Protein backbone atom coordinates (compact mmCIF):
# COMPACT_ATOMS: atom_id res chain seq x y z
CA UNK A 1 -0.21 -5.47 70.56
CA UNK A 2 1.33 -5.85 67.12
CA UNK A 3 -0.88 -5.99 63.92
CA UNK A 4 -1.20 -9.06 61.75
CA UNK A 5 0.89 -7.37 59.10
CA UNK A 6 3.70 -6.85 61.57
CA UNK A 7 3.49 -10.43 62.80
CA UNK A 8 3.69 -11.63 59.18
CA UNK A 9 6.78 -9.43 58.63
CA UNK A 10 8.44 -11.01 61.79
CA UNK A 11 7.64 -14.55 60.47
CA UNK A 12 9.16 -13.62 57.16
CA UNK A 13 12.34 -12.06 58.61
CA UNK A 14 12.96 -14.63 61.37
CA UNK A 15 11.81 -17.91 59.79
CA UNK A 16 11.50 -17.09 56.06
CA UNK A 17 7.69 -17.81 55.94
CA UNK A 18 6.14 -15.79 53.05
CA UNK A 19 3.27 -13.50 53.82
CA UNK A 20 1.12 -15.19 51.24
CA UNK A 21 1.52 -18.47 53.27
CA UNK A 22 0.34 -16.69 56.50
CA UNK A 23 -2.29 -14.56 54.78
CA UNK A 24 -5.08 -17.04 55.51
CA UNK A 25 -4.15 -17.22 59.24
CA UNK A 26 -5.73 -15.10 61.76
CA UNK A 27 -3.99 -12.60 64.11
CA UNK A 28 -4.07 -15.12 66.91
CA UNK A 29 -2.76 -17.91 64.67
CA UNK A 30 0.19 -15.70 63.63
CA UNK A 31 0.92 -14.93 67.32
CA UNK A 32 0.72 -18.61 68.36
CA UNK A 33 2.95 -19.61 65.46
CA UNK A 34 5.56 -17.08 66.41
CA UNK A 35 5.51 -18.27 70.03
CA UNK A 36 5.52 -21.93 69.00
CA UNK A 37 8.57 -21.36 66.65
CA UNK A 38 10.54 -19.50 69.26
CA UNK A 39 9.97 -22.25 71.85
CA UNK A 40 10.67 -25.14 69.48
CA UNK A 41 13.89 -24.55 67.53
CA UNK A 42 13.75 -27.95 65.78
CA UNK A 43 10.29 -27.00 64.31
CA UNK A 44 11.90 -23.71 63.24
CA UNK A 45 14.68 -25.71 61.43
CA UNK A 46 11.91 -27.88 59.86
CA UNK A 47 10.03 -24.81 58.69
CA UNK A 48 13.38 -23.32 57.39
CA UNK A 49 13.85 -26.57 55.48
CA UNK A 50 10.35 -26.26 54.09
CA UNK A 51 10.95 -22.64 53.23
CA UNK A 52 14.25 -23.61 51.58
CA UNK A 53 12.47 -26.42 49.63
CA UNK A 54 9.66 -24.03 48.82
CA UNK A 55 12.21 -21.55 47.37
CA UNK A 56 13.84 -24.35 45.40
CA UNK A 57 10.41 -25.48 44.11
CA UNK A 58 9.52 -21.83 43.45
CA UNK A 59 12.77 -21.42 41.40
CA UNK A 60 11.96 -24.72 39.59
CA UNK A 61 8.48 -23.40 38.91
CA UNK A 62 9.89 -20.20 37.59
CA UNK A 63 12.45 -21.98 35.48
CA UNK A 64 9.89 -24.41 34.05
CA UNK A 65 7.35 -21.67 33.61
CA UNK A 66 10.01 -19.74 31.58
CA UNK A 67 10.80 -22.94 29.68
CA UNK A 68 7.06 -23.37 29.14
CA UNK A 69 6.69 -19.92 27.98
CA UNK A 70 9.63 -20.21 25.59
CA UNK A 71 8.13 -23.51 24.35
CA UNK A 72 4.78 -21.90 23.79
CA UNK A 73 6.36 -19.08 21.92
CA UNK A 74 8.41 -21.51 19.95
CA UNK A 75 5.23 -23.58 19.27
CA UNK A 76 3.47 -20.34 18.04
CA UNK A 77 6.49 -19.50 15.86
CA UNK A 78 6.59 -23.02 14.47
CA UNK A 79 2.85 -23.07 13.90
CA UNK A 80 3.23 -19.69 11.98
CA UNK A 81 6.11 -21.17 9.96
CA UNK A 82 4.14 -24.32 9.36
CA UNK A 83 1.13 -22.21 8.19
CA UNK A 84 3.40 -20.29 5.78
CA UNK A 85 4.93 -23.53 4.52
CA UNK A 86 1.39 -24.97 4.02
CA UNK A 87 0.47 -21.82 2.07
CA UNK A 88 3.70 -22.09 0.05
CA UNK A 89 3.17 -25.79 -0.61
CA UNK A 90 -0.46 -24.90 -1.84
CA UNK A 91 0.80 -22.18 -4.07
CA UNK A 92 3.65 -24.46 -5.37
CA UNK A 93 1.15 -27.18 -6.06
CA UNK A 94 -1.01 -24.76 -8.08
CA UNK A 95 2.09 -23.56 -9.91
CA UNK A 96 3.08 -27.30 -10.56
CA UNK A 97 -0.44 -27.99 -11.79
CA UNK A 98 -0.20 -25.13 -14.19
CA UNK A 99 3.18 -26.12 -15.26
CA UNK A 100 1.94 -29.68 -15.84
CA UNK A 101 -0.90 -28.41 -17.99
CA UNK A 102 1.58 -26.25 -19.96
CA UNK A 103 3.92 -29.30 -20.31
CA UNK A 104 0.99 -31.42 -21.63
CA UNK A 105 -0.08 -28.61 -24.01
CA UNK A 106 3.50 -28.29 -25.30
CA UNK A 107 3.88 -32.07 -25.58
CA UNK A 108 0.68 -32.25 -27.69
CA UNK A 109 1.94 -29.29 -29.86
CA UNK A 110 5.31 -31.00 -30.19
CA UNK A 111 3.55 -34.18 -31.30
CA UNK A 112 1.40 -32.28 -33.82
CA UNK A 113 4.56 -30.51 -35.12
CA UNK A 114 6.35 -33.76 -35.44
CA UNK A 115 3.49 -35.22 -37.35
CA UNK A 116 3.43 -32.18 -39.51
CA UNK A 117 7.22 -32.49 -40.19
CA UNK A 118 6.77 -36.14 -41.19
CA UNK A 119 3.92 -35.14 -43.57
CA UNK A 120 5.99 -32.37 -45.03
CA UNK A 121 9.00 -34.78 -45.43
CA UNK A 122 6.80 -37.21 -47.36
CA UNK A 123 5.41 -34.38 -49.43
CA UNK A 124 8.99 -33.06 -49.93
CA UNK A 125 9.99 -36.52 -51.20
CA UNK A 126 7.03 -36.51 -53.59
CA UNK A 127 7.93 -33.07 -54.84
CA UNK A 128 11.59 -34.06 -55.30
CA UNK A 129 10.41 -36.93 -57.33
CA UNK A 130 8.19 -34.59 -59.47
CA UNK A 131 11.07 -32.24 -59.78
CA UNK A 132 13.33 -34.97 -61.06
CA UNK A 133 10.63 -36.04 -63.52
CA UNK A 134 10.23 -32.40 -64.67
CA UNK A 135 14.02 -31.99 -65.02
CA UNK A 136 14.20 -35.18 -67.10
CA UNK A 137 11.12 -33.86 -69.11
CA UNK A 138 12.75 -30.54 -69.47
CA UNK A 139 16.02 -32.09 -70.61
CA UNK A 140 14.03 -34.05 -73.16
CA UNK A 141 12.22 -30.90 -74.38
CA UNK A 142 15.55 -29.09 -74.57
CA UNK A 143 17.04 -31.94 -76.65
CA UNK A 144 13.92 -32.01 -78.89
CA UNK A 145 14.06 -28.24 -79.21
CA UNK A 146 17.68 -28.47 -80.24
CA UNK A 147 16.79 -31.24 -82.79
CA UNK A 148 13.85 -29.11 -84.08
CA UNK A 149 16.17 -26.04 -84.39
CA UNK A 150 18.67 -28.11 -86.26
CA UNK A 151 15.96 -29.66 -88.42
CA UNK A 152 14.44 -26.17 -89.05
CA UNK A 153 17.82 -24.91 -90.04
CA UNK A 154 18.41 -27.87 -92.40
CA UNK A 155 14.84 -27.42 -93.74
CA UNK A 156 15.49 -23.71 -94.27
CA UNK A 157 18.70 -24.58 -96.13
CA UNK A 158 16.79 -27.05 -98.27
CA UNK A 159 14.05 -24.49 -98.91
CA UNK A 160 16.63 -21.86 -99.66
CA UNK A 161 18.34 -24.28 -102.03
CA UNK A 162 14.98 -25.03 -103.67
CA UNK A 163 14.27 -21.37 -103.99
CA UNK A 164 17.71 -20.64 -105.42
CA UNK A 165 17.41 -23.44 -107.79
CA UNK A 166 13.82 -22.37 -108.74
CA UNK A 167 15.00 -18.80 -109.16
CA UNK A 168 17.88 -19.89 -111.39
CA UNK A 169 15.68 -22.27 -113.38
CA UNK A 170 12.98 -19.50 -113.63
CA UNK A 171 15.46 -16.95 -114.90
CA UNK A 172 16.58 -19.36 -117.52
CA UNK A 173 12.96 -19.99 -118.49
CA UNK A 174 12.24 -16.28 -118.57
CA UNK A 175 14.76 -15.85 -121.26
CA UNK A 176 12.44 -17.57 -123.65
CA UNK A 177 9.77 -15.46 -125.53
CA UNK A 178 6.58 -17.17 -124.72
CA UNK A 179 4.62 -14.65 -122.64
CA UNK A 180 2.04 -17.03 -121.11
CA UNK A 181 4.80 -19.30 -119.71
CA UNK A 182 6.58 -16.28 -118.51
CA UNK A 183 3.55 -14.90 -116.61
CA UNK A 184 2.89 -18.31 -115.08
CA UNK A 185 6.40 -18.62 -113.95
CA UNK A 186 6.40 -15.10 -112.47
CA UNK A 187 3.30 -16.00 -110.48
CA UNK A 188 4.76 -19.28 -109.34
CA UNK A 189 8.02 -17.59 -108.34
CA UNK A 190 6.19 -14.92 -106.29
CA UNK A 191 4.16 -17.63 -104.58
CA UNK A 192 7.25 -19.56 -103.54
CA UNK A 193 8.83 -16.41 -102.14
CA UNK A 194 5.95 -15.97 -99.92
């Protein structure tokens, strides 16, 4: 008598029934099935059709299992990419926040500098006005100085003419003999010469 394993092998070879299908059957069930299939060819064709459909479904299961596995891998890959993108977005948001703070600080600094420029422009206009006043005053002083120099020169000429005249008149007076007049004139002459 053949063993259950041998009967399963016969069922596989002759009718295409997988051993995992007949695994739950007993030795007697396997013998009865083999006898039944050999006596009823239409049932054999039906089982062959089932086996073919089972193979087709098996292939479909494998195909969809592979597709599912690929989809799961793709999902894992996309989740990893999504996580990286999330981290990148978070970092970029932090960078953007820092840049916004820097932009605000620079804007405030620019506004302060613009106000300082306006203040300095006003101060510059005031200083320009003062400079113009000082230039005018300096021109007036130069003109007054030139007048004073001219007046001093004229005054010196007058004084020189007076001294010359005094010296000439004194010399004429010194020709006379009176000694008191002479002494007084000499003192006066020395006093006028400085």
